[in-house]
Protein backbone atom coordinates (compact mmCIF):
# COMPACT_ATOMS: atom_id res chain seq x y z
CA MET A 1 82.85 175.07 145.34
CA ILE A 2 82.59 172.52 148.14
CA ARG A 3 81.36 169.07 147.07
CA PHE A 4 79.05 167.40 149.58
CA GLY A 5 77.75 163.89 150.03
CA ILE A 6 74.72 163.24 152.24
CA LEU A 7 73.98 159.96 153.98
CA THR A 8 70.58 159.73 155.65
CA LEU A 9 70.79 156.99 158.28
CA SER A 10 67.38 155.53 159.07
CA ASP A 11 66.01 152.01 159.13
CA ARG A 12 62.47 153.23 158.43
CA SER A 13 63.42 155.57 155.60
CA SER A 14 65.63 152.92 154.01
CA ARG A 15 62.63 150.55 153.98
CA GLY A 16 60.34 153.21 152.51
CA GLU A 17 58.21 153.44 155.66
CA ARG A 18 59.02 157.12 156.22
CA ASP A 19 60.05 159.88 153.85
CA ASP A 20 63.56 161.24 154.17
CA GLU A 21 63.11 164.91 155.01
CA SER A 22 66.57 165.65 156.41
CA GLY A 23 68.58 164.74 153.31
CA PRO A 24 66.54 167.02 151.02
CA ALA A 25 66.57 169.82 153.64
CA LEU A 26 70.37 169.64 153.82
CA ALA A 27 70.65 169.55 150.02
CA SER A 28 68.47 172.64 149.76
CA PHE A 29 70.64 174.50 152.28
CA ILE A 30 73.86 173.43 150.52
CA ASN A 31 72.58 174.41 147.07
CA GLY A 32 71.50 177.78 148.51
CA GLU A 33 75.11 178.33 149.59
CA ASN A 34 76.35 177.82 146.01
CA CYS A 35 77.87 174.45 146.83
CA SER A 36 77.05 171.10 145.24
CA VAL A 37 75.63 167.82 146.46
CA THR A 38 77.47 165.10 144.57
CA GLN A 39 75.29 162.31 145.93
CA SER A 40 72.60 161.74 148.54
CA ILE A 41 71.44 158.28 149.65
CA ILE A 42 69.51 156.61 152.45
CA LEU A 43 71.09 153.77 154.42
CA PRO A 44 69.79 151.54 157.22
CA ASP A 45 71.31 151.83 160.70
CA GLU A 46 73.85 149.08 159.95
CA GLU A 47 77.33 149.96 161.09
CA SER A 48 79.19 147.92 158.46
CA VAL A 49 77.14 149.42 155.60
CA ILE A 50 77.67 152.94 156.89
CA ARG A 51 81.39 152.32 157.46
CA ASP A 52 81.86 150.87 153.98
CA THR A 53 80.01 153.76 152.34
CA LEU A 54 81.97 156.39 154.28
CA ILE A 55 85.24 154.74 153.28
CA GLN A 56 84.23 154.42 149.63
CA TRP A 57 83.02 158.00 149.39
CA ALA A 58 85.91 159.58 151.33
CA ASP A 59 88.55 157.62 149.42
CA SER A 60 86.99 158.38 146.02
CA GLY A 61 88.19 161.99 145.95
CA GLU A 62 84.72 163.09 144.81
CA TYR A 63 83.65 164.66 148.12
CA ASP A 64 85.08 167.43 150.27
CA VAL A 65 82.52 166.96 153.04
CA ILE A 66 80.32 163.97 153.87
CA LEU A 67 77.35 164.67 156.09
CA THR A 68 75.44 161.97 157.92
CA THR A 69 72.00 162.80 159.24
CA GLY A 70 70.37 160.65 161.90
CA SER A 71 71.51 157.83 164.16
CA THR A 72 73.36 160.09 166.62
CA GLY A 73 71.26 159.67 169.76
CA PHE A 74 70.77 157.15 172.55
CA ALA A 75 68.52 154.62 170.78
CA PRO A 76 70.00 151.11 170.51
CA ARG A 77 70.31 151.36 166.70
CA ASP A 78 71.92 154.85 166.74
CA ILE A 79 75.43 154.05 165.52
CA ALA A 80 76.58 156.94 163.30
CA PRO A 81 79.28 158.03 165.78
CA GLU A 82 80.70 154.51 166.06
CA ALA A 83 80.73 154.03 162.27
CA THR A 84 82.35 157.43 161.80
CA LYS A 85 85.00 156.87 164.48
CA ALA A 86 85.91 153.56 162.80
CA VAL A 87 86.82 155.28 159.51
CA ILE A 88 88.25 158.69 160.41
CA GLN A 89 91.98 159.17 160.65
CA LYS A 90 91.86 162.42 162.61
CA GLU A 91 89.19 163.72 164.94
CA ALA A 92 87.72 167.21 164.55
CA PRO A 93 86.07 167.59 167.95
CA GLY A 94 85.66 171.36 167.73
CA LEU A 95 82.99 171.00 165.06
CA ALA A 96 80.83 168.64 167.11
CA GLU A 97 81.45 170.59 170.31
CA TYR A 98 80.39 173.85 168.68
CA MET A 99 77.25 172.31 167.18
CA ARG A 100 76.26 170.95 170.60
CA ALA A 101 77.02 174.25 172.34
CA GLU A 102 74.95 176.25 169.88
CA SER A 103 72.14 173.68 169.91
CA LEU A 104 71.97 173.86 173.71
CA LYS A 105 70.89 177.48 173.32
CA LYS A 106 67.78 176.17 171.53
CA THR A 107 67.04 172.85 173.26
CA LYS A 108 68.26 170.80 176.20
CA HIS A 109 67.91 167.72 173.97
CA ALA A 110 71.27 168.72 172.44
CA MET A 111 72.88 167.05 175.46
CA LEU A 112 71.69 163.73 174.02
CA SER A 113 73.66 164.15 170.79
CA ARG A 114 76.64 161.84 170.39
CA ALA A 115 77.60 163.34 167.02
CA VAL A 116 81.26 163.34 166.03
CA ALA A 117 83.29 164.89 163.23
CA GLY A 118 86.60 163.92 161.72
CA ILE A 119 88.82 163.65 158.69
CA ARG A 120 89.60 160.75 156.39
CA GLY A 121 92.19 161.61 153.78
CA LYS A 122 91.09 164.98 152.41
CA THR A 123 87.42 164.55 153.32
CA ILE A 124 85.61 165.92 156.38
CA ILE A 125 82.91 163.65 157.83
CA ILE A 126 80.29 165.27 160.07
CA ASN A 127 77.39 163.65 161.96
CA LEU A 128 74.22 165.75 162.12
CA PRO A 129 70.90 165.19 163.90
CA GLY A 130 68.13 163.31 162.15
CA SER A 131 65.46 166.00 162.27
CA PRO A 132 65.41 168.34 159.25
CA LYS A 133 65.40 171.42 161.49
CA GLY A 134 68.24 170.14 163.68
CA ALA A 135 70.32 168.97 160.74
CA VAL A 136 70.11 172.28 158.90
CA GLU A 137 70.64 174.36 162.06
CA ASN A 138 73.73 172.39 163.02
CA LEU A 139 75.19 172.59 159.53
CA GLY A 140 74.47 176.32 159.57
CA PHE A 141 76.46 176.77 162.78
CA ILE A 142 79.67 175.34 161.29
CA PHE A 143 79.16 176.13 157.60
CA PRO A 144 81.14 179.41 157.64
CA LEU A 145 84.31 177.50 158.60
CA LEU A 146 84.00 174.69 156.07
CA PRO A 147 85.54 176.53 153.09
CA HIS A 148 88.69 177.23 155.11
CA ALA A 149 88.78 173.65 156.45
CA VAL A 150 88.56 172.30 152.89
CA GLN A 151 91.30 174.70 151.78
CA LEU A 152 93.57 173.40 154.53
CA LEU A 153 92.89 169.76 153.66
CA THR A 154 93.58 170.30 149.98
CA ASP A 155 96.80 172.25 150.59
CA ASP A 156 95.33 175.30 148.86
CA PRO A 157 98.06 177.97 148.82
CA ASN A 158 95.40 180.58 149.62
CA SER A 159 94.37 178.86 152.86
CA GLU A 160 96.39 181.25 155.01
CA THR A 161 94.74 184.37 153.56
CA SER A 162 91.48 183.78 155.44
CA HIS A 163 93.00 183.96 158.94
C-alpha cells in the first residue's frame, strides 16, 4: 500500500478565506485506489515553509509519495516548482512531461504548468495543479506507474516482475 502525503499550497486556503477542495479530492481518489493518505495539510505560498515541510516529510520515512497541489503556474506567488527543485536529489521529468502531454489533450492551459517531479531519498515528490479536477486528472495519468516506482525506490526484490 502506497503511503501519500498531500500539501495544498494556497495563501487564501491557509488563511481560511477559501475552502481547500483539491486536497480532499486527491485524498478521495487515493483512498479509492486502496492506498492511504498519511497526512494532508494546507500551507501558504511561502517557499521556505514548503521546502522545510517537504524535507521533513520525505526524510521521515512515513511517505512513499508526497503530492503538492497548487502554486504551479505563472502567478508571482506560484513557487511549488522552485521549492520542490530545492529539496529533490533526483529529477523525475517523465512524470511531469506525461502529465502535461495528457493535459494538453484536454486544455491548452496545460502549457502554463511549471509542475516538476523528483525524488528525495526514497520518496517521490510530485507537483499537481491547484484545481480539484486538474489535480485528480493529473494524478490519474501517472498513478498506474507509481506502485512500480515505489518498488524501485524501496529496493523491493519484486520490482523487476512488473516489466
